Amino acid sequence: MKAATIVCVALLLLNPMAFGHDHHSGIEKQTAIIHASGTIKAIAENGESVRIFHDPITLLGWGAMNMPFEVKNHDLLKGFSLGDKVEFDFVHESSGDTLVGITKR
């Protein structure tokens, strides 16, 4: 391969726009963990989701809002209840938002 081709391929792979764009949030589609804080408003009985009223999330251009997060690891919610103030991490994808970590404030 010519050096110019290698440089072009490298630049393409390093460009976040090469992986697509999320038109709903205005950021590139990447599997990044996003940190936020808020208050638990509901926990599904089966442990598969939690509704959190979160503070603004500047990275995504979101204001404060009440929204659900999918929970794949049900153990994450053990010991939490309605009204708990929390710091949490989630993955934002076009298919939804998935909680990956949570602690009480």
Protein backbone atom coordinates (compact mmCIF):
# COMPACT_ATOMS: atom_id res chain seq x y z
CA MET A 1 0.00 0.00 0.00
CA LYS A 2 1.15 3.49 -0.68
CA ALA A 3 1.83 5.72 2.31
CA ALA A 4 -0.95 8.12 1.24
CA THR A 5 -3.50 5.27 1.21
CA ILE A 6 -2.43 4.13 4.67
CA VAL A 7 -2.79 7.68 6.02
CA CYS A 8 -6.27 8.04 4.46
CA VAL A 9 -7.44 4.73 5.92
CA ALA A 10 -6.05 5.66 9.34
CA LEU A 11 -7.76 9.06 9.27
CA LEU A 12 -11.05 7.45 8.28
CA LEU A 13 -10.85 4.94 11.13
CA LEU A 14 -10.00 7.67 13.64
CA ASN A 15 -12.81 9.94 12.47
CA PRO A 16 -15.86 9.54 14.75
CA MET A 17 -18.13 10.53 11.86
CA ALA A 18 -17.06 7.34 10.08
CA PHE A 19 -19.18 5.39 12.55
CA GLY A 20 -22.41 7.28 11.87
CA HIS A 21 -24.33 10.06 13.52
CA ASP A 22 -27.19 9.95 16.02
CA HIS A 23 -29.70 12.45 14.67
CA HIS A 24 -31.71 12.47 17.91
CA SER A 25 -28.92 13.64 20.20
CA GLY A 26 -26.56 15.34 17.77
CA ILE A 27 -23.54 13.23 18.77
CA GLU A 28 -21.73 10.48 16.98
CA LYS A 29 -22.81 6.88 17.52
CA GLN A 30 -20.19 5.35 19.74
CA THR A 31 -20.42 2.99 22.64
CA ALA A 32 -19.29 5.41 25.30
CA ILE A 33 -20.21 5.36 28.96
CA ILE A 34 -21.97 8.54 30.03
CA HIS A 35 -22.04 9.72 33.65
CA ALA A 36 -25.06 11.49 35.15
CA SER A 37 -26.85 12.15 38.42
CA GLY A 38 -30.49 12.11 39.40
CA THR A 39 -33.26 10.64 41.54
CA ILE A 40 -34.85 7.20 41.20
CA LYS A 41 -38.55 7.57 40.39
CA ALA A 42 -39.49 3.94 39.63
CA ILE A 43 -37.96 0.47 39.57
CA ALA A 44 -39.64 -2.26 37.53
CA GLU A 45 -40.72 -5.25 39.64
CA ASN A 46 -38.76 -7.58 37.35
CA GLY A 47 -35.64 -5.38 37.70
CA GLU A 48 -35.33 -4.89 33.95
CA SER A 49 -35.64 -1.10 34.02
CA VAL A 50 -35.35 1.92 36.25
CA ARG A 51 -36.86 5.38 35.73
CA ILE A 52 -34.58 8.22 36.80
CA PHE A 53 -35.22 11.95 36.83
CA HIS A 54 -31.74 13.05 35.76
CA ASP A 55 -29.96 16.38 35.82
CA PRO A 56 -28.99 17.93 32.46
CA ILE A 57 -26.57 15.83 30.41
CA THR A 58 -24.54 18.35 28.44
CA LEU A 59 -22.68 15.74 26.39
CA LEU A 60 -25.95 14.63 24.79
CA GLY A 61 -27.58 18.07 24.73
CA TRP A 62 -30.32 16.85 27.09
CA GLY A 63 -32.04 18.95 29.70
CA ALA A 64 -33.21 17.50 33.00
CA MET A 65 -35.89 14.88 32.40
CA ASN A 66 -37.56 11.75 33.70
CA MET A 67 -36.62 8.73 31.58
CA PRO A 68 -36.27 4.95 31.68
CA PHE A 69 -33.01 3.03 31.50
CA GLU A 70 -32.78 -0.65 30.62
CA VAL A 71 -31.02 -2.78 33.24
CA LYS A 72 -29.37 -5.95 31.96
CA ASN A 73 -27.56 -6.72 35.23
CA HIS A 74 -30.40 -6.83 37.75
CA ASP A 75 -27.93 -6.94 40.65
CA LEU A 76 -27.14 -3.27 39.97
CA LEU A 77 -30.43 -2.20 41.56
CA LYS A 78 -30.13 -4.22 44.78
CA GLY A 79 -30.38 -1.91 47.78
CA PHE A 80 -31.92 0.98 45.84
CA SER A 81 -35.41 2.37 46.32
CA LEU A 82 -37.67 5.19 45.16
CA GLY A 83 -36.35 8.63 45.99
CA ASP A 84 -32.68 7.63 46.23
CA LYS A 85 -30.33 10.31 44.92
CA VAL A 86 -27.86 8.58 42.61
CA GLU A 87 -24.83 8.94 40.39
CA PHE A 88 -25.08 6.57 37.44
CA ASP A 89 -23.39 5.48 34.24
CA PHE A 90 -25.17 4.39 31.09
CA VAL A 91 -24.55 3.51 27.48
CA HIS A 92 -26.49 5.61 24.96
CA GLU A 93 -27.33 3.78 21.73
CA SER A 94 -29.97 4.20 19.06
CA SER A 95 -31.75 1.12 20.48
CA GLY A 96 -32.03 2.70 23.93
CA ASP A 97 -30.15 3.64 27.05
CA THR A 98 -28.70 0.93 29.28
CA LEU A 99 -27.65 1.43 32.90
CA VAL A 100 -24.16 0.01 33.53
CA GLY A 101 -23.36 1.40 37.00
CA ILE A 102 -25.08 3.20 39.87
CA THR A 103 -24.21 4.49 43.36
CA LYS A 104 -26.05 6.48 46.02
CA ARG A 105 -25.07 10.11 46.51
